[in-house]
PDB file of all heavy atoms in Angstrom:
ATOM      1  N   GLN A   1     181.919 109.291 124.582  1.00  0.00           N
ATOM      2  CA  GLN A   1     181.971 109.372 123.123  1.00  0.00           C
ATOM      3  C   GLN A   1     182.095 110.830 122.657  1.00  0.00           C
ATOM      4  O   GLN A   1     182.837 111.126 121.742  1.00  0.00           O
ATOM      5  CB  GLN A   1     180.730 108.733 122.508  1.00  0.00           C
ATOM      6  CG  GLN A   1     180.724 108.765 121.000  1.00  0.00           C
ATOM      7  CD  GLN A   1     179.466 108.154 120.417  1.00  0.00           C
ATOM      8  OE1 GLN A   1     178.586 107.715 121.151  1.00  0.00           O
ATOM      9  NE2 GLN A   1     179.382 108.136 119.100  1.00  0.00           N
ATOM     10  N   VAL A   2     181.395 111.733 123.326  1.00  0.00           N
ATOM     11  CA  VAL A   2     181.463 113.146 122.977  1.00  0.00           C
ATOM     12  C   VAL A   2     182.866 113.686 123.268  1.00  0.00           C
ATOM     13  O   VAL A   2     183.437 114.437 122.468  1.00  0.00           O
ATOM     14  CB  VAL A   2     180.391 113.963 123.746  1.00  0.00           C
ATOM     15  CG1 VAL A   2     180.542 115.440 123.500  1.00  0.00           C
ATOM     16  CG2 VAL A   2     179.001 113.486 123.369  1.00  0.00           C
ATOM     17  N   SER A   3     183.431 113.291 124.382  1.00  0.00           N
ATOM     18  CA  SER A   3     184.785 113.734 124.730  1.00  0.00           C
ATOM     19  C   SER A   3     185.798 113.230 123.710  1.00  0.00           C
ATOM     20  O   SER A   3     186.701 113.976 123.308  1.00  0.00           O
ATOM     21  CB  SER A   3     185.163 113.225 126.115  1.00  0.00           C
ATOM     22  OG  SER A   3     184.301 113.750 127.087  1.00  0.00           O
ATOM     23  N   ILE A   4     185.659 111.998 123.264  1.00  0.00           N
ATOM     24  CA  ILE A   4     186.565 111.444 122.271  1.00  0.00           C
ATOM     25  C   ILE A   4     186.417 112.183 120.949  1.00  0.00           C
ATOM     26  O   ILE A   4     187.398 112.485 120.276  1.00  0.00           O
ATOM     27  CB  ILE A   4     186.328 109.931 122.095  1.00  0.00           C
ATOM     28  CG1 ILE A   4     186.691 109.197 123.366  1.00  0.00           C
ATOM     29  CG2 ILE A   4     187.092 109.383 120.896  1.00  0.00           C
ATOM     30  CD1 ILE A   4     188.169 109.334 123.751  1.00  0.00           C
ATOM     31  N   MET A   5     185.184 112.498 120.556  1.00  0.00           N
ATOM     32  CA  MET A   5     184.974 113.248 119.307  1.00  0.00           C
ATOM     33  C   MET A   5     185.613 114.615 119.365  1.00  0.00           C
ATOM     34  O   MET A   5     186.255 115.044 118.412  1.00  0.00           O
ATOM     35  CB  MET A   5     183.466 113.378 119.018  1.00  0.00           C
ATOM     36  CG  MET A   5     182.862 112.105 118.562  1.00  0.00           C
ATOM     37  SD  MET A   5     183.684 111.485 117.099  1.00  0.00           S
ATOM     38  CE  MET A   5     182.326 111.152 116.096  1.00  0.00           C
ATOM     39  N   LEU A   6     185.454 115.306 120.496  1.00  0.00           N
ATOM     40  CA  LEU A   6     186.086 116.618 120.646  1.00  0.00           C
ATOM     41  C   LEU A   6     187.607 116.501 120.583  1.00  0.00           C
ATOM     42  O   LEU A   6     188.279 117.321 119.954  1.00  0.00           O
ATOM     43  CB  LEU A   6     185.655 117.264 121.951  1.00  0.00           C
ATOM     44  CG  LEU A   6     184.189 117.677 122.033  1.00  0.00           C
ATOM     45  CD1 LEU A   6     183.858 118.141 123.437  1.00  0.00           C
ATOM     46  CD2 LEU A   6     183.884 118.771 121.023  1.00  0.00           C
ATOM     47  N   LEU A   7     188.155 115.491 121.210  1.00  0.00           N
ATOM     48  CA  LEU A   7     189.597 115.270 121.160  1.00  0.00           C
ATOM     49  C   LEU A   7     190.074 114.996 119.738  1.00  0.00           C
ATOM     50  O   LEU A   7     191.086 115.537 119.296  1.00  0.00           O
ATOM     51  CB  LEU A   7     189.996 114.122 122.086  1.00  0.00           C
ATOM     52  CG  LEU A   7     191.464 113.773 122.104  1.00  0.00           C
ATOM     53  CD1 LEU A   7     192.264 114.916 122.707  1.00  0.00           C
ATOM     54  CD2 LEU A   7     191.699 112.502 122.892  1.00  0.00           C
ATOM     55  N   CYS A   8     189.317 114.197 119.000  1.00  0.00           N
ATOM     56  CA  CYS A   8     189.672 113.912 117.607  1.00  0.00           C
ATOM     57  C   CYS A   8     189.639 115.170 116.752  1.00  0.00           C
ATOM     58  O   CYS A   8     190.489 115.366 115.888  1.00  0.00           O
ATOM     59  CB  CYS A   8     188.722 112.858 117.021  1.00  0.00           C
ATOM     60  SG  CYS A   8     188.974 111.222 117.684  1.00  0.00           S
ATOM     61  N   MET A   9     188.662 116.024 116.999  1.00  0.00           N
ATOM     62  CA  MET A   9     188.577 117.282 116.248  1.00  0.00           C
ATOM     63  C   MET A   9     189.808 118.147 116.473  1.00  0.00           C
ATOM     64  O   MET A   9     190.377 118.704 115.536  1.00  0.00           O
ATOM     65  CB  MET A   9     187.325 118.047 116.648  1.00  0.00           C
ATOM     66  CG  MET A   9     186.053 117.436 116.207  1.00  0.00           C
ATOM     67  SD  MET A   9     184.647 118.323 116.872  1.00  0.00           S
ATOM     68  CE  MET A   9     183.333 117.211 116.498  1.00  0.00           C
ATOM     69  N   VAL A  10     190.227 118.220 117.732  1.00  0.00           N
ATOM     70  CA  VAL A  10     191.401 119.035 118.060  1.00  0.00           C
ATOM     71  C   VAL A  10     192.659 118.407 117.491  1.00  0.00           C
ATOM     72  O   VAL A  10     193.519 119.107 116.932  1.00  0.00           O
ATOM     73  CB  VAL A  10     191.509 119.219 119.584  1.00  0.00           C
ATOM     74  CG1 VAL A  10     192.821 119.882 119.962  1.00  0.00           C
ATOM     75  CG2 VAL A  10     190.350 120.044 120.098  1.00  0.00           C
ATOM     76  N   VAL A  11     192.788 117.094 117.569  1.00  0.00           N
ATOM     77  CA  VAL A  11     193.983 116.427 117.056  1.00  0.00           C
ATOM     78  C   VAL A  11     194.066 116.553 115.536  1.00  0.00           C
ATOM     79  O   VAL A  11     195.126 116.828 114.978  1.00  0.00           O
ATOM     80  CB  VAL A  11     194.013 114.950 117.492  1.00  0.00           C
ATOM     81  CG1 VAL A  11     195.079 114.169 116.756  1.00  0.00           C
ATOM     82  CG2 VAL A  11     194.240 114.860 118.991  1.00  0.00           C
ATOM     83  N   LEU A  12     192.938 116.372 114.851  1.00  0.00           N
ATOM     84  CA  LEU A  12     192.942 116.478 113.391  1.00  0.00           C
ATOM     85  C   LEU A  12     193.252 117.900 112.916  1.00  0.00           C
ATOM     86  O   LEU A  12     193.996 118.102 111.967  1.00  0.00           O
ATOM     87  CB  LEU A  12     191.588 116.050 112.818  1.00  0.00           C
ATOM     88  CG  LEU A  12     191.366 114.569 112.686  1.00  0.00           C
ATOM     89  CD1 LEU A  12     189.946 114.308 112.229  1.00  0.00           C
ATOM     90  CD2 LEU A  12     192.339 113.955 111.722  1.00  0.00           C
ATOM     91  N   GLY A  13     192.666 118.878 113.565  1.00  0.00           N
ATOM     92  CA  GLY A  13     192.826 120.257 113.114  1.00  0.00           C
ATOM     93  C   GLY A  13     194.022 120.958 113.714  1.00  0.00           C
ATOM     94  O   GLY A  13     194.529 121.917 113.139  1.00  0.00           O
ATOM     95  N   GLY A  14     194.487 120.505 114.857  1.00  0.00           N
ATOM     96  CA  GLY A  14     195.580 121.173 115.521  1.00  0.00           C
ATOM     97  C   GLY A  14     195.048 122.112 116.598  1.00  0.00           C
ATOM     98  O   GLY A  14     194.055 122.806 116.386  1.00  0.00           O
ATOM     99  N   ALA A  15     195.693 122.126 117.737  1.00  0.00           N
ATOM    100  CA  ALA A  15     195.211 122.903 118.867  1.00  0.00           C
ATOM    101  C   ALA A  15     195.691 124.348 118.843  1.00  0.00           C
ATOM    102  O   ALA A  15     195.255 125.155 119.627  1.00  0.00           O
ATOM    103  CB  ALA A  15     195.643 122.253 120.174  1.00  0.00           C
ATOM    104  N   GLY A  16     196.604 124.690 117.945  1.00  0.00           N
ATOM    105  CA  GLY A  16     197.202 126.012 117.951  1.00  0.00           C
ATOM    106  C   GLY A  16     196.287 127.120 117.447  1.00  0.00           C
ATOM    107  O   GLY A  16     196.365 128.250 117.913  1.00  0.00           O
ATOM    108  N   LYS A  17     195.422 126.804 116.505  1.00  0.00           N
ATOM    109  CA  LYS A  17     194.572 127.843 115.905  1.00  0.00           C
ATOM    110  C   LYS A  17     193.136 127.365 115.840  1.00  0.00           C
ATOM    111  O   LYS A  17     192.853 126.190 115.647  1.00  0.00           O
ATOM    112  CB  LYS A  17     195.062 128.186 114.493  1.00  0.00           C
ATOM    113  CG  LYS A  17     196.461 128.751 114.485  1.00  0.00           C
ATOM    114  CD  LYS A  17     196.797 129.308 113.154  1.00  0.00           C
ATOM    115  CE  LYS A  17     198.194 129.898 113.234  1.00  0.00           C
ATOM    116  NZ  LYS A  17     198.400 130.894 112.254  1.00  0.00           N
ATOM    117  N   SER A  18     192.233 128.313 115.993  1.00  0.00           N
ATOM    118  CA  SER A  18     190.810 127.946 115.966  1.00  0.00           C
ATOM    119  C   SER A  18     190.366 127.456 114.597  1.00  0.00           C
ATOM    120  O   SER A  18     189.462 126.621 114.498  1.00  0.00           O
ATOM    121  CB  SER A  18     189.953 129.135 116.404  1.00  0.00           C
ATOM    122  OG  SER A  18     190.148 130.230 115.548  1.00  0.00           O
ATOM    123  N   GLN A  19     190.990 127.948 113.516  1.00  0.00           N
ATOM    124  CA  GLN A  19     190.625 127.478 112.178  1.00  0.00           C
ATOM    125  C   GLN A  19     190.909 125.987 112.028  1.00  0.00           C
ATOM    126  O   GLN A  19     190.146 125.280 111.372  1.00  0.00           O
ATOM    127  CB  GLN A  19     191.390 128.254 111.091  1.00  0.00           C
ATOM    128  CG  GLN A  19     191.068 129.706 111.031  1.00  0.00           C
ATOM    129  CD  GLN A  19     191.992 130.548 111.899  1.00  0.00           C
ATOM    130  OE1 GLN A  19     192.779 130.034 112.669  1.00  0.00           O
ATOM    131  NE2 GLN A  19     191.867 131.857 111.786  1.00  0.00           N
ATOM    132  N   GLY A  20     191.978 125.521 112.642  1.00  0.00           N
ATOM    133  CA  GLY A  20     192.289 124.097 112.572  1.00  0.00           C
ATOM    134  C   GLY A  20     191.267 123.252 113.282  1.00  0.00           C
ATOM    135  O   GLY A  20     190.876 122.186 112.796  1.00  0.00           O
ATOM    136  N   VAL A  21     190.819 123.714 114.440  1.00  0.00           N
ATOM    137  CA  VAL A  21     189.799 122.974 115.174  1.00  0.00           C
ATOM    138  C   VAL A  21     188.479 122.951 114.396  1.00  0.00           C
ATOM    139  O   VAL A  21     187.797 121.926 114.349  1.00  0.00           O
ATOM    140  CB  VAL A  21     189.604 123.583 116.581  1.00  0.00           C
ATOM    141  CG1 VAL A  21     188.499 122.865 117.322  1.00  0.00           C
ATOM    142  CG2 VAL A  21     190.901 123.511 117.362  1.00  0.00           C
ATOM    143  N   ILE A  22     188.161 124.061 113.754  1.00  0.00           N
ATOM    144  CA  ILE A  22     186.942 124.104 112.943  1.00  0.00           C
ATOM    145  C   ILE A  22     187.050 123.147 111.752  1.00  0.00           C
ATOM    146  O   ILE A  22     186.115 122.421 111.420  1.00  0.00           O
ATOM    147  CB  ILE A  22     186.661 125.548 112.481  1.00  0.00           C
ATOM    148  CG1 ILE A  22     186.284 126.413 113.682  1.00  0.00           C
ATOM    149  CG2 ILE A  22     185.573 125.585 111.416  1.00  0.00           C
ATOM    150  CD1 ILE A  22     186.212 127.889 113.390  1.00  0.00           C
ATOM    151  N   LEU A  23     188.238 123.107 111.133  1.00  0.00           N
ATOM    152  CA  LEU A  23     188.455 122.149 110.052  1.00  0.00           C
ATOM    153  C   LEU A  23     188.328 120.715 110.552  1.00  0.00           C
ATOM    154  O   LEU A  23     187.702 119.886 109.905  1.00  0.00           O
ATOM    155  CB  LEU A  23     189.847 122.377 109.433  1.00  0.00           C
ATOM    156  CG  LEU A  23     190.233 121.387 108.345  1.00  0.00           C
ATOM    157  CD1 LEU A  23     189.347 121.584 107.123  1.00  0.00           C
ATOM    158  CD2 LEU A  23     191.702 121.584 107.978  1.00  0.00           C
ATOM    159  N   GLY A  24     188.903 120.423 111.710  1.00  0.00           N
ATOM    160  CA  GLY A  24     188.765 119.103 112.314  1.00  0.00           C
ATOM    161  C   GLY A  24     187.323 118.741 112.584  1.00  0.00           C
ATOM    162  O   GLY A  24     186.898 117.610 112.378  1.00  0.00           O
ATOM    163  N   ARG A  25     186.544 119.725 113.033  1.00  0.00           N
ATOM    164  CA  ARG A  25     185.112 119.474 113.268  1.00  0.00           C
ATOM    165  C   ARG A  25     184.404 119.097 111.985  1.00  0.00           C
ATOM    166  O   ARG A  25     183.594 118.177 111.939  1.00  0.00           O
ATOM    167  CB  ARG A  25     184.466 120.723 113.873  1.00  0.00           C
ATOM    168  CG  ARG A  25     183.006 120.505 114.184  1.00  0.00           C
ATOM    169  CD  ARG A  25     182.323 121.788 114.502  1.00  0.00           C
ATOM    170  NE  ARG A  25     182.174 122.545 113.274  1.00  0.00           N
ATOM    171  CZ  ARG A  25     181.574 123.714 113.207  1.00  0.00           C
ATOM    172  NH1 ARG A  25     181.108 124.287 114.271  1.00  0.00           N
ATOM    173  NH2 ARG A  25     181.455 124.333 112.054  1.00  0.00           N
ATOM    174  N   HIS A  26     184.732 119.806 110.905  1.00  0.00           N
ATOM    175  CA  HIS A  26     184.076 119.503 109.610  1.00  0.00           C
ATOM    176  C   HIS A  26     184.474 118.106 109.121  1.00  0.00           C
ATOM    177  O   HIS A  26     183.612 117.379 108.606  1.00  0.00           O
ATOM    178  CB  HIS A  26     184.437 120.568 108.580  1.00  0.00           C
ATOM    179  CG  HIS A  26     183.763 121.880 108.781  1.00  0.00           C
ATOM    180  ND1 HIS A  26     182.395 122.025 108.835  1.00  0.00           N
ATOM    181  CD2 HIS A  26     184.278 123.116 108.989  1.00  0.00           C
ATOM    182  CE1 HIS A  26     182.096 123.298 109.063  1.00  0.00           C
ATOM    183  NE2 HIS A  26     183.224 123.979 109.166  1.00  0.00           N
ATOM    184  N   VAL A  27     185.733 117.742 109.275  1.00  0.00           N
ATOM    185  CA  VAL A  27     186.182 116.423 108.841  1.00  0.00           C
ATOM    186  C   VAL A  27     185.451 115.337 109.623  1.00  0.00           C
ATOM    187  O   VAL A  27     184.943 114.361 109.037  1.00  0.00           O
ATOM    188  CB  VAL A  27     187.712 116.299 108.991  1.00  0.00           C
ATOM    189  CG1 VAL A  27     188.167 114.856 108.782  1.00  0.00           C
ATOM    190  CG2 VAL A  27     188.422 117.224 108.025  1.00  0.00           C
TER     191      VAL A  27
END
């Protein structure tokens, strides 16, 4: 479940920039 959550964060925010991953984490 943790791995899936991390993957969702990266997919939602985008893997190219750290700001996108942070945004995905917040969502």
